Every structure is written in structure tokens, then in C-alpha cells.
Amino acid sequence: MSKFSILVNREHLLSQNYIPQNLTEPAIPFSAPPGDAKRLLVRDAAAAAEELFHRAQKEGLHLWGVSGYRPYTRQRELYEAALAKREKLLKRTGDAPLTAVAPPGSSEHQTGLALDVSCPSENYELEETFALTPEGKWLSTYASHYGFILRYPRGKESITGFPYEPWHIRYVGEPLAPYLSLTGLTLEEYYLL
């Protein structure tokens, strides 16, 4: 197993003290302001993201990084805010869907290997419609050539524990990324082999 194939989900948690080594800011366009931690990735993932984004740009596509590294404390804040929002909706309507925000320790962003990607035509938002854009289609086809997988594919929600997210790529390196892409396996399924 590669050091980049670490499995992180609701059942395989990272400790609150886990901070990845070699975080660096890739030279790619980001919607986050300079100096924001979400512009960081582990060095190998950052280098691969630069190559991926450069290739997209050469093909006339405009990928933008939205969120990379996220520390445990920030994930806890986001999760608590999502739970509070859900609770208000429950009180108001009597029904509210479960939050798609990962509990602290279960977010791949804490590894520094995950990157949420969008494009100008999506107003840099993280929406399912990204999959229908030229950038989203291209990313789905070529991410694995650069060591990334689309981590939360459609139809695998019950396996990953997360909803479909066509914008969420995860660096696993080569040859694992092409293998997972060709077989259609998620990291969870790979770990069961």
C-alpha cells in the first residue's frame, strides 16, 4: 500500500493531532485568498495538481482549486455549523436531511491529499452540475492520469458513506489512480480486496 492510499472515512478516522508533512501551496488558481490553509496540499499532491491544471489550461479549460487542506479544528467548526443548521430546519419543518459535511476526523481534506475543484462557469461553487461542464467532464476523464481519483462517485454512496461529489478529487498516486479509475473501485472496495 502506498502512503497516499490512506483510507479516511466515517469508520477510519484521523486523530485530531494528525497534521500531514510537507504541506505546500501549488501554483494553481484558487478561489481562496492567499495565505488561506485551504490552498495547501501535501507536496506530491501539489505537484500533481499543478500538472493536471496546466494540462487543462493548455486545452482551454479553467479549473480552480476551492479547498485543499483542512485541519481537524476547522472540520469540527464546519460540522457543528451543519448540525446546528439541520437542527433549526428540523424545528421549523419537522424534517431535515442528514448533513453531507464530514464529522471531524473523517474528512480527507485533513490528509492534505484531497482537493475540491470548480470552474468559473459554476461561479467556483461545489455543485453536482460541475460534472456537466467541459471542465467536469475533462476532470472525470483525466484526473487519474495525474494520480487523482474522483473520490465520491455516483452510485457508490452506500460504500463511501458520502454523497456524489464530482468536484472532490483525491491524490492516491500512480499506479493506483489509473487502476481504480479503470476498475471503478472506490478506496473502500480496494481495501477489501
Protein backbone atom coordinates (compact mmCIF):
# COMPACT_ATOMS: atom_id res chain seq x y z
CA MET A 1 0.00 0.00 0.00
CA SER A 2 1.19 3.45 -0.88
CA LYS A 3 1.44 6.20 1.73
CA PHE A 4 -1.03 8.08 -0.47
CA SER A 5 -3.69 5.35 -0.34
CA ILE A 6 -4.64 6.05 3.28
CA LEU A 7 -8.34 5.34 3.81
CA VAL A 8 -10.21 8.08 5.62
CA ASN A 9 -13.97 7.96 6.11
CA ARG A 10 -16.60 7.80 8.86
CA GLU A 11 -15.20 4.43 10.02
CA HIS A 12 -11.48 5.12 9.52
CA LEU A 13 -10.79 8.34 11.40
CA LEU A 14 -7.74 10.53 11.69
CA SER A 15 -6.75 11.74 15.15
CA GLN A 16 -7.29 15.39 15.98
CA ASN A 17 -3.49 15.70 16.20
CA TYR A 18 -2.89 14.43 12.65
CA ILE A 19 -1.17 17.08 10.52
CA PRO A 20 0.37 15.99 7.21
CA GLN A 21 4.03 16.61 6.49
CA ASN A 22 5.29 18.73 3.60
CA LEU A 23 2.24 20.93 3.06
CA THR A 24 2.82 23.41 0.27
CA GLU A 25 0.78 25.72 -1.93
CA PRO A 26 0.51 24.52 -5.53
CA ALA A 27 0.83 27.07 -8.31
CA ILE A 28 -2.79 26.76 -9.45
CA PRO A 29 -5.65 29.25 -9.44
CA PHE A 30 -7.60 29.21 -6.18
CA SER A 31 -10.84 30.84 -5.13
CA ALA A 32 -9.45 31.05 -1.57
CA PRO A 33 -7.34 34.11 -0.69
CA PRO A 34 -3.53 33.89 -0.43
CA GLY A 35 -2.37 32.56 2.91
CA ASP A 36 -5.54 30.51 3.49
CA ALA A 37 -4.75 26.95 4.68
CA LYS A 38 -7.20 25.53 2.13
CA ARG A 39 -4.68 26.44 -0.58
CA LEU A 40 -2.29 23.79 0.79
CA LEU A 41 -1.67 20.21 -0.33
CA VAL A 42 0.97 17.62 0.50
CA ARG A 43 3.98 18.25 -1.78
CA ASP A 44 3.42 15.26 -4.13
CA ALA A 45 -0.28 16.05 -4.49
CA ALA A 46 0.53 19.73 -5.09
CA ALA A 47 2.99 18.85 -7.89
CA ALA A 48 0.44 16.52 -9.49
CA ALA A 49 -2.28 19.19 -9.23
CA GLU A 50 0.00 21.68 -10.99
CA GLU A 51 0.48 19.24 -13.88
CA LEU A 52 -3.25 18.45 -14.04
CA PHE A 53 -4.29 22.10 -14.05
CA HIS A 54 -1.57 23.03 -16.57
CA ARG A 55 -2.81 20.34 -18.96
CA ALA A 56 -6.41 21.54 -18.57
CA GLN A 57 -5.32 25.12 -19.26
CA LYS A 58 -3.47 24.03 -22.42
CA GLU A 59 -6.76 22.51 -23.58
CA GLY A 60 -8.63 25.77 -22.96
CA LEU A 61 -10.27 24.69 -19.71
CA HIS A 62 -10.38 26.68 -16.49
CA LEU A 63 -10.07 24.55 -13.35
CA TRP A 64 -9.89 26.32 -10.00
CA GLY A 65 -8.97 24.95 -6.60
CA VAL A 66 -11.61 25.64 -3.96
CA SER A 67 -10.46 23.71 -0.90
CA GLY A 68 -7.42 21.58 -0.17
CA TYR A 69 -6.06 21.01 3.33
CA ARG A 70 -8.44 21.45 6.23
CA PRO A 71 -7.28 20.96 9.84
CA TYR A 72 -9.34 18.95 12.34
CA THR A 73 -10.40 22.10 14.20
CA ARG A 74 -11.82 23.71 11.04
CA GLN A 75 -13.66 20.49 10.13
CA ARG A 76 -15.18 20.42 13.61
CA GLU A 77 -16.42 24.02 13.14
CA LEU A 78 -17.98 23.18 9.77
CA TYR A 79 -19.61 20.02 11.12
CA GLU A 80 -21.05 21.77 14.19
CA ALA A 81 -22.43 24.56 11.99
CA ALA A 82 -24.05 21.98 9.68
CA LEU A 83 -25.61 20.19 12.67
CA ALA A 84 -26.97 23.48 14.04
CA LYS A 85 -28.44 24.34 10.64
CA ARG A 86 -30.05 20.89 10.45
CA GLU A 87 -31.47 21.27 13.97
CA LYS A 88 -33.09 24.62 13.05
CA LEU A 89 -34.60 23.08 9.94
CA LEU A 90 -35.93 20.15 11.98
CA LYS A 91 -37.62 22.52 14.42
CA ARG A 92 -39.10 24.60 11.62
CA THR A 93 -40.26 21.84 9.25
CA GLY A 94 -40.08 18.61 11.24
CA ASP A 95 -37.75 17.12 8.64
CA ALA A 96 -34.15 17.70 7.60
CA PRO A 97 -31.68 15.59 5.64
CA LEU A 98 -28.54 14.34 7.31
CA THR A 99 -25.59 16.63 6.79
CA ALA A 100 -23.16 15.82 3.99
CA VAL A 101 -20.41 17.57 5.95
CA ALA A 102 -17.94 15.00 7.26
CA PRO A 103 -17.54 14.71 11.03
CA PRO A 104 -14.13 15.83 12.31
CA GLY A 105 -11.50 13.15 11.74
CA SER A 106 -13.39 11.65 8.79
CA SER A 107 -12.55 14.31 6.19
CA GLU A 108 -9.94 13.52 3.58
CA HIS A 109 -9.09 17.21 3.49
CA GLN A 110 -7.22 16.70 6.78
CA THR A 111 -4.74 14.45 4.91
CA GLY A 112 -3.69 17.24 2.54
CA LEU A 113 -4.37 14.82 -0.34
CA ALA A 114 -7.89 15.99 -1.27
CA LEU A 115 -8.82 18.95 -3.43
CA ASP A 116 -12.23 20.35 -4.26
CA VAL A 117 -12.26 21.77 -7.78
CA SER A 118 -14.65 24.06 -9.62
CA CYS A 119 -14.65 26.45 -12.56
CA PRO A 120 -15.78 29.98 -13.46
CA SER A 121 -18.99 28.79 -15.17
CA GLU A 122 -20.05 27.29 -11.81
CA ASN A 123 -19.12 30.53 -10.01
CA TYR A 124 -16.46 28.48 -8.17
CA GLU A 125 -19.26 26.68 -6.28
CA LEU A 126 -19.25 22.97 -5.43
CA GLU A 127 -22.35 21.71 -7.18
CA GLU A 128 -23.27 18.46 -8.93
CA THR A 129 -23.73 20.46 -12.14
CA PHE A 130 -19.93 20.76 -12.27
CA ALA A 131 -19.98 17.22 -13.74
CA LEU A 132 -21.83 18.58 -16.79
CA THR A 133 -19.33 21.35 -17.55
CA PRO A 134 -16.47 20.83 -20.01
CA GLU A 135 -14.10 21.11 -17.02
CA GLY A 136 -16.00 18.50 -15.01
CA LYS A 137 -16.13 16.06 -17.93
CA TRP A 138 -12.43 16.55 -18.61
CA LEU A 139 -11.53 16.09 -14.94
CA SER A 140 -13.51 12.84 -14.80
CA THR A 141 -11.53 11.54 -17.78
CA TYR A 142 -8.02 12.78 -16.99
CA ALA A 143 -7.66 13.08 -13.20
CA SER A 144 -6.34 9.51 -12.92
CA HIS A 145 -3.56 10.30 -15.43
CA TYR A 146 -2.11 12.57 -12.74
CA GLY A 147 -2.60 10.31 -9.72
CA PHE A 148 -6.05 11.58 -8.68
CA ILE A 149 -9.38 9.78 -8.38
CA LEU A 150 -12.89 11.13 -8.20
CA ARG A 151 -13.35 10.01 -4.63
CA TYR A 152 -17.14 10.03 -4.24
CA PRO A 153 -18.67 8.68 -7.47
CA ARG A 154 -22.37 8.44 -8.26
CA GLY A 155 -23.88 5.10 -7.28
CA LYS A 156 -21.26 4.37 -4.60
CA GLU A 157 -22.77 6.47 -1.80
CA SER A 158 -23.60 3.46 0.36
CA ILE A 159 -19.98 2.29 0.06
CA THR A 160 -18.16 5.60 0.63
CA GLY A 161 -20.65 6.96 3.16
CA PHE A 162 -20.69 10.29 1.32
CA PRO A 163 -22.92 11.75 -1.40
CA TYR A 164 -21.83 12.06 -5.02
CA GLU A 165 -19.23 14.83 -5.34
CA PRO A 166 -17.90 15.29 -8.89
CA TRP A 167 -15.66 18.11 -7.66
CA HIS A 168 -13.77 16.17 -4.96
CA ILE A 169 -10.51 14.66 -6.21
CA ARG A 170 -8.12 12.70 -4.06
CA TYR A 171 -4.45 12.07 -4.72
CA VAL A 172 -3.58 8.37 -4.42
CA GLY A 173 -0.62 8.36 -6.82
CA GLU A 174 0.26 6.01 -9.61
CA PRO A 175 -0.37 3.21 -10.46
CA LEU A 176 -3.31 3.16 -8.03
CA ALA A 177 -5.27 6.05 -9.60
CA PRO A 178 -5.44 4.53 -13.11
CA TYR A 179 -6.24 1.12 -11.60
CA LEU A 180 -9.15 2.48 -9.54
CA SER A 181 -10.38 4.53 -12.49
CA LEU A 182 -10.34 1.55 -14.86
CA THR A 183 -11.96 -0.86 -12.41
CA GLY A 184 -14.46 1.63 -10.98
CA LEU A 185 -13.44 0.65 -7.46
CA THR A 186 -13.59 3.09 -4.57
CA LEU A 187 -10.84 3.16 -1.94
CA GLU A 188 -13.18 1.28 0.40
CA GLU A 189 -13.59 -1.52 -2.16
CA TYR A 190 -9.85 -1.56 -2.86
CA TYR A 191 -9.14 -2.11 0.83
CA LEU A 192 -11.49 -5.11 0.83
CA LEU A 193 -9.54 -6.90 -1.94
